[in-house]
Amino acid sequence: MELCMTITGRCCDLALHPVSFSTAQKVREEGRGIYKTKYLEWWRKGNTCTCGMKLGEDSMVEVTVDGKQMLFNPQPIKDAAVLLRRRMYLDSKARFLALMGYVDEVCSLTWRWENVTEFNPQKFDFFVHRWDRLMHEDGFYIVDDARYNGHFATEHLWGERGGHSMIDPVVIDLEDVRREIQGGYVSVA
């Protein structure tokens, strides 16, 4: 059998990078203009990018087996979300992080598995980031990847891609975050 899960809505492509004091100042001063200062898409460089589908109120999740639509409750996708993305730098010497990218490209993403022997929605595993605080929006879920029965998809198919606009870059002072955590507050992103 062929199993497909498709999320239709908005694609996110975000990068969270440690930056120096001078770069943090430059990002603050130039705002969106910072994207024009280097080669195209330089802001994606590195291994701290998250590209996936935003799972929000305007998203549609569809699961099919051999083309036949199956009942599927998307709540387990949200339940799998982790809030740890920004914490990776808390024990480092980094002082500032810069968040750049876009969150509004209209598109769809299909995960396709071949040779599935049975369909059981409980066999899905989801890799989901929750960036509420970074994006200043409650319930900001980014679906990064999915597995079925322990297997990653045979193929990922992007479709219906449209234009996007870059977000205003955000500079995060990690000293503020560290003080907040020491004070007993839990960071949500």
C-alpha atoms as a PDB file:
ATOM      1  CA  MET A   1       0.000   0.000   0.000  1.00  0.00           C
ATOM      2  CA  GLU A   2       0.966   3.606  -0.486  1.00  0.00           C
ATOM      3  CA  LEU A   3       0.447   5.884   2.516  1.00  0.00           C
ATOM      4  CA  CYS A   4       0.480   9.664   2.126  1.00  0.00           C
ATOM      5  CA  MET A   5       0.111  12.472   4.621  1.00  0.00           C
ATOM      6  CA  THR A   6      -0.303  15.968   3.178  1.00  0.00           C
ATOM      7  CA  ILE A   7      -0.332  19.261   5.026  1.00  0.00           C
ATOM      8  CA  THR A   8      -1.614  22.187   2.993  1.00  0.00           C
ATOM      9  CA  GLY A   9      -1.198  25.712   4.317  1.00  0.00           C
ATOM     10  CA  ARG A  10       1.910  27.773   4.973  1.00  0.00           C
ATOM     11  CA  CYS A  11       5.555  26.771   4.674  1.00  0.00           C
ATOM     12  CA  CYS A  12       8.111  28.085   7.154  1.00  0.00           C
ATOM     13  CA  ASP A  13      11.816  28.429   6.528  1.00  0.00           C
ATOM     14  CA  LEU A  14      13.530  29.897   9.569  1.00  0.00           C
ATOM     15  CA  ALA A  15      17.121  30.140  10.737  1.00  0.00           C
ATOM     16  CA  LEU A  16      18.296  30.823  14.270  1.00  0.00           C
ATOM     17  CA  HIS A  17      21.988  31.751  14.413  1.00  0.00           C
ATOM     18  CA  PRO A  18      24.390  32.941  17.086  1.00  0.00           C
ATOM     19  CA  VAL A  19      25.689  36.397  16.152  1.00  0.00           C
ATOM     20  CA  SER A  20      28.264  38.832  17.499  1.00  0.00           C
ATOM     21  CA  PHE A  21      27.380  42.087  19.241  1.00  0.00           C
ATOM     22  CA  SER A  22      28.176  44.078  16.095  1.00  0.00           C
ATOM     23  CA  THR A  23      26.070  41.793  13.884  1.00  0.00           C
ATOM     24  CA  ALA A  24      23.202  41.986  16.381  1.00  0.00           C
ATOM     25  CA  GLN A  25      23.384  45.798  16.178  1.00  0.00           C
ATOM     26  CA  LYS A  26      23.456  45.677  12.376  1.00  0.00           C
ATOM     27  CA  VAL A  27      20.413  43.374  12.275  1.00  0.00           C
ATOM     28  CA  ARG A  28      18.515  45.687  14.641  1.00  0.00           C
ATOM     29  CA  GLU A  29      19.417  48.771  12.612  1.00  0.00           C
ATOM     30  CA  GLU A  30      18.717  47.369   9.147  1.00  0.00           C
ATOM     31  CA  GLY A  31      15.639  45.270   9.907  1.00  0.00           C
ATOM     32  CA  ARG A  32      14.450  43.533   6.741  1.00  0.00           C
ATOM     33  CA  GLY A  33      17.139  45.348   4.786  1.00  0.00           C
ATOM     34  CA  ILE A  34      19.667  42.929   6.291  1.00  0.00           C
ATOM     35  CA  TYR A  35      18.545  40.249   3.837  1.00  0.00           C
ATOM     36  CA  LYS A  36      19.960  42.318   0.967  1.00  0.00           C
ATOM     37  CA  THR A  37      23.457  42.679   2.430  1.00  0.00           C
ATOM     38  CA  LYS A  38      24.933  39.374   1.255  1.00  0.00           C
ATOM     39  CA  TYR A  39      24.360  36.715  -1.363  1.00  0.00           C
ATOM     40  CA  LEU A  40      20.863  35.344  -1.872  1.00  0.00           C
ATOM     41  CA  GLU A  41      19.608  33.289   1.063  1.00  0.00           C
ATOM     42  CA  TRP A  42      22.833  33.637   3.098  1.00  0.00           C
ATOM     43  CA  TRP A  43      20.659  33.675   6.201  1.00  0.00           C
ATOM     44  CA  ARG A  44      20.001  29.922   5.704  1.00  0.00           C
ATOM     45  CA  LYS A  45      23.673  29.000   6.071  1.00  0.00           C
ATOM     46  CA  GLY A  46      24.486  26.582   8.893  1.00  0.00           C
ATOM     47  CA  ASN A  47      22.707  23.713  10.548  1.00  0.00           C
ATOM     48  CA  THR A  48      20.223  25.659  12.642  1.00  0.00           C
ATOM     49  CA  CYS A  49      17.496  26.019  10.043  1.00  0.00           C
ATOM     50  CA  THR A  50      13.989  24.698  10.407  1.00  0.00           C
ATOM     51  CA  CYS A  51      12.034  24.209   7.212  1.00  0.00           C
ATOM     52  CA  GLY A  52       8.600  22.679   7.359  1.00  0.00           C
ATOM     53  CA  MET A  53       4.894  23.233   7.360  1.00  0.00           C
ATOM     54  CA  LYS A  54       3.203  25.524   9.837  1.00  0.00           C
ATOM     55  CA  LEU A  55       0.327  23.684  11.477  1.00  0.00           C
ATOM     56  CA  GLY A  56      -2.263  26.330  12.221  1.00  0.00           C
ATOM     57  CA  GLU A  57      -5.961  27.021  11.959  1.00  0.00           C
ATOM     58  CA  ASP A  58      -5.726  27.555   8.194  1.00  0.00           C
ATOM     59  CA  SER A  59      -3.872  24.259   7.631  1.00  0.00           C
ATOM     60  CA  MET A  60      -5.442  21.119   6.230  1.00  0.00           C
ATOM     61  CA  VAL A  61      -4.080  17.667   7.088  1.00  0.00           C
ATOM     62  CA  GLU A  62      -5.087  14.775   4.844  1.00  0.00           C
ATOM     63  CA  VAL A  63      -4.046  11.126   5.085  1.00  0.00           C
ATOM     64  CA  THR A  64      -4.658   8.697   2.234  1.00  0.00           C
ATOM     65  CA  VAL A  65      -4.014   5.003   1.680  1.00  0.00           C
ATOM     66  CA  ASP A  66      -3.827   4.051  -1.998  1.00  0.00           C
ATOM     67  CA  GLY A  67      -5.588   7.330  -2.776  1.00  0.00           C
ATOM     68  CA  LYS A  68      -8.504   6.741  -0.386  1.00  0.00           C
ATOM     69  CA  GLN A  69      -8.916   9.373   2.316  1.00  0.00           C
ATOM     70  CA  MET A  70      -8.622   8.042   5.864  1.00  0.00           C
ATOM     71  CA  LEU A  71      -9.935   9.490   9.112  1.00  0.00           C
ATOM     72  CA  PHE A  72      -7.102  11.267  10.874  1.00  0.00           C
ATOM     73  CA  ASN A  73      -7.015  13.478  13.961  1.00  0.00           C
ATOM     74  CA  PRO A  74      -4.084  15.963  13.689  1.00  0.00           C
ATOM     75  CA  GLN A  75      -3.868  16.543  17.471  1.00  0.00           C
ATOM     76  CA  PRO A  76      -0.973  14.053  17.901  1.00  0.00           C
ATOM     77  CA  ILE A  77       1.088  16.270  15.597  1.00  0.00           C
ATOM     78  CA  LYS A  78       0.736  19.170  18.038  1.00  0.00           C
ATOM     79  CA  ASP A  79       1.255  16.861  21.012  1.00  0.00           C
ATOM     80  CA  ALA A  80       4.678  15.890  19.604  1.00  0.00           C
ATOM     81  CA  ALA A  81       5.949  19.490  19.623  1.00  0.00           C
ATOM     82  CA  VAL A  82       9.162  20.303  21.460  1.00  0.00           C
ATOM     83  CA  LEU A  83      10.111  23.666  22.915  1.00  0.00           C
ATOM     84  CA  LEU A  84      13.853  23.098  22.977  1.00  0.00           C
ATOM     85  CA  ARG A  85      15.149  24.771  19.819  1.00  0.00           C
ATOM     86  CA  ARG A  86      16.421  28.000  21.397  1.00  0.00           C
ATOM     87  CA  ARG A  87      17.838  26.235  24.471  1.00  0.00           C
ATOM     88  CA  MET A  88      20.693  24.696  22.487  1.00  0.00           C
ATOM     89  CA  TYR A  89      22.681  27.916  22.934  1.00  0.00           C
ATOM     90  CA  LEU A  90      22.028  28.556  26.624  1.00  0.00           C
ATOM     91  CA  ASP A  91      25.127  26.684  27.791  1.00  0.00           C
ATOM     92  CA  SER A  92      27.324  28.199  25.072  1.00  0.00           C
ATOM     93  CA  LYS A  93      29.302  31.430  25.097  1.00  0.00           C
ATOM     94  CA  ALA A  94      26.875  32.955  22.591  1.00  0.00           C
ATOM     95  CA  ARG A  95      25.335  36.232  23.693  1.00  0.00           C
ATOM     96  CA  PHE A  96      22.942  36.989  20.825  1.00  0.00           C
ATOM     97  CA  LEU A  97      20.818  34.978  18.405  1.00  0.00           C
ATOM     98  CA  ALA A  98      19.288  36.270  15.189  1.00  0.00           C
ATOM     99  CA  LEU A  99      16.062  34.760  13.872  1.00  0.00           C
ATOM    100  CA  MET A 100      15.478  35.243  10.138  1.00  0.00           C
ATOM    101  CA  GLY A 101      13.402  33.706   7.374  1.00  0.00           C
ATOM    102  CA  TYR A 102       9.774  33.481   6.328  1.00  0.00           C
ATOM    103  CA  VAL A 103       6.590  31.839   7.587  1.00  0.00           C
ATOM    104  CA  ASP A 104       3.979  32.634   4.975  1.00  0.00           C
ATOM    105  CA  GLU A 105       4.680  30.734   1.751  1.00  0.00           C
ATOM    106  CA  VAL A 106       1.461  29.108   0.532  1.00  0.00           C
ATOM    107  CA  CYS A 107       2.226  25.479  -0.289  1.00  0.00           C
ATOM    108  CA  SER A 108       1.722  21.837   0.587  1.00  0.00           C
ATOM    109  CA  LEU A 109       4.028  19.064   1.687  1.00  0.00           C
ATOM    110  CA  THR A 110       3.301  15.370   1.200  1.00  0.00           C
ATOM    111  CA  TRP A 111       5.130  12.585   2.991  1.00  0.00           C
ATOM    112  CA  ARG A 112       4.786   9.347   0.980  1.00  0.00           C
ATOM    113  CA  TRP A 113       5.572   5.833   2.206  1.00  0.00           C
ATOM    114  CA  GLU A 114       5.693   2.806  -0.096  1.00  0.00           C
ATOM    115  CA  ASN A 115       4.961  -0.832   0.799  1.00  0.00           C
ATOM    116  CA  VAL A 116       2.958  -0.101   3.942  1.00  0.00           C
ATOM    117  CA  THR A 117       1.255  -3.285   5.133  1.00  0.00           C
ATOM    118  CA  GLU A 118      -1.437  -1.709   7.333  1.00  0.00           C
ATOM    119  CA  PHE A 119      -2.729   1.708   8.340  1.00  0.00           C
ATOM    120  CA  ASN A 120      -2.795   2.603  12.010  1.00  0.00           C
ATOM    121  CA  PRO A 121      -2.676   6.348  12.831  1.00  0.00           C
ATOM    122  CA  GLN A 122      -0.929   5.536  16.127  1.00  0.00           C
ATOM    123  CA  LYS A 123       2.143   4.393  14.168  1.00  0.00           C
ATOM    124  CA  PHE A 124       2.952   7.974  13.137  1.00  0.00           C
ATOM    125  CA  ASP A 125       5.820   9.829  14.824  1.00  0.00           C
ATOM    126  CA  PHE A 126       6.146  13.551  14.251  1.00  0.00           C
ATOM    127  CA  PHE A 127       9.063  15.956  14.526  1.00  0.00           C
ATOM    128  CA  VAL A 128       7.510  19.286  15.426  1.00  0.00           C
ATOM    129  CA  HIS A 129       8.977  22.528  16.769  1.00  0.00           C
ATOM    130  CA  ARG A 130       6.912  24.983  18.761  1.00  0.00           C
ATOM    131  CA  TRP A 131       8.173  28.535  18.342  1.00  0.00           C
ATOM    132  CA  ASP A 132       5.397  30.470  20.128  1.00  0.00           C
ATOM    133  CA  ARG A 133       7.616  32.911  21.942  1.00  0.00           C
ATOM    134  CA  LEU A 134      10.021  33.509  19.077  1.00  0.00           C
ATOM    135  CA  MET A 135       7.178  34.245  16.671  1.00  0.00           C
ATOM    136  CA  HIS A 136       4.933  36.015  19.220  1.00  0.00           C
ATOM    137  CA  GLU A 137       2.024  33.709  18.413  1.00  0.00           C
ATOM    138  CA  ASP A 138       0.407  31.066  20.606  1.00  0.00           C
ATOM    139  CA  GLY A 139       0.451  27.598  19.089  1.00  0.00           C
ATOM    140  CA  PHE A 140       3.135  28.249  16.448  1.00  0.00           C
ATOM    141  CA  TYR A 141       3.848  24.676  15.332  1.00  0.00           C
ATOM    142  CA  ILE A 142       6.316  23.786  12.560  1.00  0.00           C
ATOM    143  CA  VAL A 143       6.102  20.209  11.280  1.00  0.00           C
ATOM    144  CA  ASP A 144       9.663  19.330  10.334  1.00  0.00           C
ATOM    145  CA  ASP A 145       9.300  15.620   9.501  1.00  0.00           C
ATOM    146  CA  ALA A 146       7.262  12.475  10.091  1.00  0.00           C
ATOM    147  CA  ARG A 147       7.829   8.736  10.372  1.00  0.00           C
ATOM    148  CA  TYR A 148       5.407   5.887   9.985  1.00  0.00           C
ATOM    149  CA  ASN A 149       6.020   2.605  11.794  1.00  0.00           C
ATOM    150  CA  GLY A 150       9.579   3.736  12.519  1.00  0.00           C
ATOM    151  CA  HIS A 151      10.376   4.650   8.897  1.00  0.00           C
ATOM    152  CA  PHE A 152      10.980   8.029   7.362  1.00  0.00           C
ATOM    153  CA  ALA A 153       8.987   8.770   4.212  1.00  0.00           C
ATOM    154  CA  THR A 154      10.127   7.267   0.940  1.00  0.00           C
ATOM    155  CA  GLU A 155       9.613  10.656  -0.681  1.00  0.00           C
ATOM    156  CA  HIS A 156       8.776  14.262   0.208  1.00  0.00           C
ATOM    157  CA  LEU A 157       6.745  16.165  -2.365  1.00  0.00           C
ATOM    158  CA  TRP A 158       6.426  19.947  -2.192  1.00  0.00           C
ATOM    159  CA  GLY A 159       3.526  21.357  -4.146  1.00  0.00           C
ATOM    160  CA  GLU A 160       1.476  24.454  -4.808  1.00  0.00           C
ATOM    161  CA  ARG A 161       4.293  26.791  -3.765  1.00  0.00           C
ATOM    162  CA  GLY A 162       3.601  30.500  -3.859  1.00  0.00           C
ATOM    163  CA  GLY A 163       5.458  33.662  -2.899  1.00  0.00           C
ATOM    164  CA  HIS A 164       6.644  34.607   0.539  1.00  0.00           C
ATOM    165  CA  SER A 165       7.782  37.657   2.456  1.00  0.00           C
ATOM    166  CA  MET A 166      10.666  37.774   4.887  1.00  0.00           C
ATOM    167  CA  ILE A 167       9.951  38.375   8.558  1.00  0.00           C
ATOM    168  CA  ASP A 168      11.414  41.282  10.454  1.00  0.00           C
ATOM    169  CA  PRO A 169      14.601  39.776  11.889  1.00  0.00           C
ATOM    170  CA  VAL A 170      14.530  39.212  15.641  1.00  0.00           C
ATOM    171  CA  VAL A 171      17.596  39.609  17.860  1.00  0.00           C
ATOM    172  CA  ILE A 172      17.464  37.626  21.092  1.00  0.00           C
ATOM    173  CA  ASP A 173      19.760  38.552  23.968  1.00  0.00           C
ATOM    174  CA  LEU A 174      20.608  35.219  25.577  1.00  0.00           C
ATOM    175  CA  GLU A 175      21.628  36.942  28.811  1.00  0.00           C
ATOM    176  CA  ASP A 176      17.983  38.003  29.236  1.00  0.00           C
ATOM    177  CA  VAL A 177      16.854  34.424  28.614  1.00  0.00           C
ATOM    178  CA  ARG A 178      19.412  33.023  31.058  1.00  0.00           C
ATOM    179  CA  ARG A 179      18.296  35.497  33.772  1.00  0.00           C
ATOM    180  CA  GLU A 180      14.673  34.582  33.122  1.00  0.00           C
ATOM    181  CA  ILE A 181      15.412  30.870  33.562  1.00  0.00           C
ATOM    182  CA  GLN A 182      17.475  31.472  36.719  1.00  0.00           C
ATOM    183  CA  GLY A 183      14.528  33.463  38.090  1.00  0.00           C
ATOM    184  CA  GLY A 184      12.327  30.399  37.761  1.00  0.00           C
ATOM    185  CA  TYR A 185      10.485  31.325  34.606  1.00  0.00           C
ATOM    186  CA  VAL A 186      10.212  28.706  31.923  1.00  0.00           C
ATOM    187  CA  SER A 187      10.969  29.849  28.408  1.00  0.00           C
ATOM    188  CA  VAL A 188       8.410  28.623  25.867  1.00  0.00           C
ATOM    189  CA  ALA A 189      10.606  28.648  22.811  1.00  0.00           C
END
